[in-house]
Protein backbone atom coordinates (compact mmCIF):
# COMPACT_ATOMS: atom_id res chain seq x y z
CA UNK A 1 0.00 0.00 0.00
CA UNK A 2 1.49 3.23 -1.15
CA UNK A 3 1.21 6.39 0.90
CA UNK A 4 0.19 9.46 -0.97
CA UNK A 5 1.82 12.83 -0.70
CA UNK A 6 -1.21 14.11 1.21
CA UNK A 7 -0.84 11.30 3.75
CA UNK A 8 2.85 12.02 4.10
CA UNK A 9 2.13 15.72 4.63
CA UNK A 10 -0.56 14.89 7.16
CA UNK A 11 1.86 12.63 9.07
CA UNK A 12 4.50 15.38 8.96
CA UNK A 13 2.05 17.93 10.39
CA UNK A 14 1.14 15.50 13.21
CA UNK A 15 4.83 14.94 13.91
CA UNK A 16 5.48 18.69 14.02
CA UNK A 17 2.54 19.16 16.39
CA UNK A 18 3.90 16.45 18.71
CA UNK A 19 7.38 17.98 18.52
CA UNK A 20 5.99 21.42 19.38
CA UNK A 21 4.14 19.99 22.38
CA UNK A 22 7.33 18.25 23.55
CA UNK A 23 9.26 21.52 23.32
CA UNK A 24 6.52 23.28 25.28
CA UNK A 25 6.72 20.60 28.01
CA UNK A 26 10.51 20.94 28.14
CA UNK A 27 10.13 24.71 28.49
CA UNK A 28 7.58 24.35 31.29
CA UNK A 29 9.67 21.70 33.01
CA UNK A 30 12.73 23.94 32.86
CA UNK A 31 15.33 23.23 35.52
CA UNK A 32 13.00 21.09 37.58
CA UNK A 33 15.03 17.86 37.32
CA UNK A 34 18.18 19.70 38.42
CA UNK A 35 16.31 21.35 41.30
CA UNK A 36 14.98 17.96 42.39
CA UNK A 37 18.53 16.55 42.37
CA UNK A 38 19.74 19.51 44.44
CA UNK A 39 16.93 18.98 46.95
CA UNK A 40 17.69 15.26 47.14
CA UNK A 41 21.35 16.06 47.84
CA UNK A 42 20.32 18.59 50.48
CA UNK A 43 18.02 16.03 52.09
CA UNK A 44 20.82 13.47 52.15
CA UNK A 45 23.03 16.02 53.87
CA UNK A 46 20.36 16.65 56.50
CA UNK A 47 19.93 12.93 57.06
CA UNK A 48 23.69 12.56 57.56
CA UNK A 49 23.69 15.41 60.07
CA UNK A 50 20.72 13.95 61.94
CA UNK A 51 22.56 10.63 62.17
CA UNK A 52 25.63 12.39 63.56
CA UNK A 53 23.53 14.34 66.06
CA UNK A 54 21.84 11.13 67.19
CA UNK A 55 25.23 9.53 67.67
CA UNK A 56 26.44 12.58 69.63
CA UNK A 57 23.32 12.45 71.81
CA UNK A 58 23.90 8.76 72.55
CA UNK A 59 27.52 9.46 73.45
CA UNK A 60 26.47 12.29 75.76
CA UNK A 61 23.83 10.09 77.40
CA UNK A 62 26.49 7.43 77.97
CA UNK A 63 28.75 10.05 79.56
CA UNK A 64 25.90 11.25 81.78
CA UNK A 65 25.25 7.70 82.96
CA UNK A 66 28.95 7.17 83.65
CA UNK A 67 29.18 10.45 85.56
CA UNK A 68 26.10 9.64 87.64
CA UNK A 69 27.73 6.35 88.64
CA UNK A 70 30.93 8.21 89.53
CA UNK A 71 28.90 10.63 91.67
CA UNK A 72 27.27 7.75 93.53
CA UNK A 73 30.68 6.17 94.15
CA UNK A 74 32.05 9.49 95.37
CA UNK A 75 29.07 9.95 97.70
CA UNK A 76 29.64 6.46 99.12
CA UNK A 77 33.31 7.29 99.69
CA UNK A 78 32.41 10.61 101.34
CA UNK A 79 30.03 8.81 103.70
CA UNK A 80 32.69 6.17 104.42
CA UNK A 81 35.35 8.79 105.19
CA UNK A 82 32.95 10.86 107.31
CA UNK A 83 32.15 7.74 109.34
CA UNK A 84 35.87 7.01 109.73
CA UNK A 85 36.50 10.59 110.77
CA UNK A 86 33.74 10.44 113.41
CA UNK A 87 35.17 7.18 114.66
CA UNK A 88 38.66 8.69 114.98
CA UNK A 89 37.34 11.75 116.83
CA UNK A 90 35.43 9.52 119.20
CA UNK A 91 38.55 7.43 119.86
CA UNK A 92 40.60 10.59 120.46
CA UNK A 93 38.06 11.84 123.04
CA UNK A 94 38.16 8.48 124.77
CA UNK A 95 41.99 8.66 124.97
CA UNK A 96 41.88 12.14 126.39
CA UNK A 97 39.62 11.06 129.26
CA UNK A 98 41.83 8.14 130.23
C-alpha atoms as a PDB file:
ATOM      1  CA  UNK A   1       0.000   0.000   0.000  1.00  0.00           C
ATOM      2  CA  UNK A   2       1.494   3.225  -1.149  1.00  0.00           C
ATOM      3  CA  UNK A   3       1.206   6.388   0.900  1.00  0.00           C
ATOM      4  CA  UNK A   4       0.191   9.463  -0.970  1.00  0.00           C
ATOM      5  CA  UNK A   5       1.824  12.833  -0.699  1.00  0.00           C
ATOM      6  CA  UNK A   6      -1.208  14.107   1.208  1.00  0.00           C
ATOM      7  CA  UNK A   7      -0.843  11.298   3.751  1.00  0.00           C
ATOM      8  CA  UNK A   8       2.853  12.021   4.105  1.00  0.00           C
ATOM      9  CA  UNK A   9       2.132  15.722   4.630  1.00  0.00           C
ATOM     10  CA  UNK A  10      -0.556  14.890   7.162  1.00  0.00           C
ATOM     11  CA  UNK A  11       1.864  12.627   9.068  1.00  0.00           C
ATOM     12  CA  UNK A  12       4.496  15.378   8.956  1.00  0.00           C
ATOM     13  CA  UNK A  13       2.047  17.927  10.388  1.00  0.00           C
ATOM     14  CA  UNK A  14       1.144  15.504  13.214  1.00  0.00           C
ATOM     15  CA  UNK A  15       4.832  14.938  13.908  1.00  0.00           C
ATOM     16  CA  UNK A  16       5.485  18.685  14.016  1.00  0.00           C
ATOM     17  CA  UNK A  17       2.543  19.157  16.395  1.00  0.00           C
ATOM     18  CA  UNK A  18       3.900  16.449  18.708  1.00  0.00           C
ATOM     19  CA  UNK A  19       7.377  17.977  18.524  1.00  0.00           C
ATOM     20  CA  UNK A  20       5.992  21.416  19.381  1.00  0.00           C
ATOM     21  CA  UNK A  21       4.136  19.986  22.385  1.00  0.00           C
ATOM     22  CA  UNK A  22       7.328  18.248  23.551  1.00  0.00           C
ATOM     23  CA  UNK A  23       9.257  21.517  23.316  1.00  0.00           C
ATOM     24  CA  UNK A  24       6.520  23.282  25.281  1.00  0.00           C
ATOM     25  CA  UNK A  25       6.721  20.603  28.015  1.00  0.00           C
ATOM     26  CA  UNK A  26      10.508  20.942  28.145  1.00  0.00           C
ATOM     27  CA  UNK A  27      10.130  24.714  28.488  1.00  0.00           C
ATOM     28  CA  UNK A  28       7.584  24.352  31.292  1.00  0.00           C
ATOM     29  CA  UNK A  29       9.670  21.695  33.007  1.00  0.00           C
ATOM     30  CA  UNK A  30      12.727  23.942  32.861  1.00  0.00           C
ATOM     31  CA  UNK A  31      15.329  23.233  35.519  1.00  0.00           C
ATOM     32  CA  UNK A  32      12.996  21.091  37.581  1.00  0.00           C
ATOM     33  CA  UNK A  33      15.033  17.855  37.322  1.00  0.00           C
ATOM     34  CA  UNK A  34      18.175  19.696  38.423  1.00  0.00           C
ATOM     35  CA  UNK A  35      16.313  21.351  41.296  1.00  0.00           C
ATOM     36  CA  UNK A  36      14.980  17.964  42.389  1.00  0.00           C
ATOM     37  CA  UNK A  37      18.527  16.553  42.370  1.00  0.00           C
ATOM     38  CA  UNK A  38      19.737  19.509  44.440  1.00  0.00           C
ATOM     39  CA  UNK A  39      16.929  18.981  46.950  1.00  0.00           C
ATOM     40  CA  UNK A  40      17.692  15.259  47.140  1.00  0.00           C
ATOM     41  CA  UNK A  41      21.351  16.060  47.841  1.00  0.00           C
ATOM     42  CA  UNK A  42      20.324  18.585  50.480  1.00  0.00           C
ATOM     43  CA  UNK A  43      18.024  16.025  52.093  1.00  0.00           C
ATOM     44  CA  UNK A  44      20.818  13.466  52.149  1.00  0.00           C
ATOM     45  CA  UNK A  45      23.034  16.024  53.868  1.00  0.00           C
ATOM     46  CA  UNK A  46      20.361  16.653  56.500  1.00  0.00           C
ATOM     47  CA  UNK A  47      19.934  12.926  57.063  1.00  0.00           C
ATOM     48  CA  UNK A  48      23.686  12.558  57.557  1.00  0.00           C
ATOM     49  CA  UNK A  49      23.691  15.414  60.067  1.00  0.00           C
ATOM     50  CA  UNK A  50      20.717  13.954  61.936  1.00  0.00           C
ATOM     51  CA  UNK A  51      22.559  10.634  62.174  1.00  0.00           C
ATOM     52  CA  UNK A  52      25.628  12.386  63.558  1.00  0.00           C
ATOM     53  CA  UNK A  53      23.527  14.340  66.055  1.00  0.00           C
ATOM     54  CA  UNK A  54      21.836  11.126  67.193  1.00  0.00           C
ATOM     55  CA  UNK A  55      25.233   9.530  67.671  1.00  0.00           C
ATOM     56  CA  UNK A  56      26.437  12.579  69.629  1.00  0.00           C
ATOM     57  CA  UNK A  57      23.317  12.448  71.811  1.00  0.00           C
ATOM     58  CA  UNK A  58      23.900   8.763  72.548  1.00  0.00           C
ATOM     59  CA  UNK A  59      27.525   9.457  73.454  1.00  0.00           C
ATOM     60  CA  UNK A  60      26.473  12.290  75.761  1.00  0.00           C
ATOM     61  CA  UNK A  61      23.830  10.093  77.401  1.00  0.00           C
ATOM     62  CA  UNK A  62      26.487   7.426  77.972  1.00  0.00           C
ATOM     63  CA  UNK A  63      28.755  10.054  79.557  1.00  0.00           C
ATOM     64  CA  UNK A  64      25.904  11.249  81.785  1.00  0.00           C
ATOM     65  CA  UNK A  65      25.250   7.697  82.962  1.00  0.00           C
ATOM     66  CA  UNK A  66      28.945   7.167  83.646  1.00  0.00           C
ATOM     67  CA  UNK A  67      29.183  10.454  85.559  1.00  0.00           C
ATOM     68  CA  UNK A  68      26.098   9.640  87.638  1.00  0.00           C
ATOM     69  CA  UNK A  69      27.727   6.353  88.644  1.00  0.00           C
ATOM     70  CA  UNK A  70      30.925   8.206  89.527  1.00  0.00           C
ATOM     71  CA  UNK A  71      28.903  10.635  91.668  1.00  0.00           C
ATOM     72  CA  UNK A  72      27.265   7.747  93.526  1.00  0.00           C
ATOM     73  CA  UNK A  73      30.678   6.169  94.146  1.00  0.00           C
ATOM     74  CA  UNK A  74      32.047   9.492  95.367  1.00  0.00           C
ATOM     75  CA  UNK A  75      29.066   9.950  97.702  1.00  0.00           C
ATOM     76  CA  UNK A  76      29.639   6.457  99.125  1.00  0.00           C
ATOM     77  CA  UNK A  77      33.310   7.286  99.692  1.00  0.00           C
ATOM     78  CA  UNK A  78      32.407  10.606 101.340  1.00  0.00           C
ATOM     79  CA  UNK A  79      30.034   8.810 103.698  1.00  0.00           C
ATOM     80  CA  UNK A  80      32.686   6.166 104.424  1.00  0.00           C
ATOM     81  CA  UNK A  81      35.354   8.791 105.190  1.00  0.00           C
ATOM     82  CA  UNK A  82      32.955  10.864 107.313  1.00  0.00           C
ATOM     83  CA  UNK A  83      32.149   7.744 109.338  1.00  0.00           C
ATOM     84  CA  UNK A  84      35.871   7.009 109.728  1.00  0.00           C
ATOM     85  CA  UNK A  85      36.498  10.587 110.769  1.00  0.00           C
ATOM     86  CA  UNK A  86      33.743  10.440 113.411  1.00  0.00           C
ATOM     87  CA  UNK A  87      35.172   7.178 114.658  1.00  0.00           C
ATOM     88  CA  UNK A  88      38.661   8.692 114.975  1.00  0.00           C
ATOM     89  CA  UNK A  89      37.339  11.749 116.831  1.00  0.00           C
ATOM     90  CA  UNK A  90      35.426   9.517 119.201  1.00  0.00           C
ATOM     91  CA  UNK A  91      38.549   7.432 119.857  1.00  0.00           C
ATOM     92  CA  UNK A  92      40.596  10.595 120.457  1.00  0.00           C
ATOM     93  CA  UNK A  93      38.064  11.840 123.039  1.00  0.00           C
ATOM     94  CA  UNK A  94      38.162   8.479 124.771  1.00  0.00           C
ATOM     95  CA  UNK A  95      41.987   8.658 124.974  1.00  0.00           C
ATOM     96  CA  UNK A  96      41.876  12.142 126.390  1.00  0.00           C
ATOM     97  CA  UNK A  97      39.615  11.061 129.264  1.00  0.00           C
ATOM     98  CA  UNK A  98      41.831   8.138 130.232  1.00  0.00           C
END
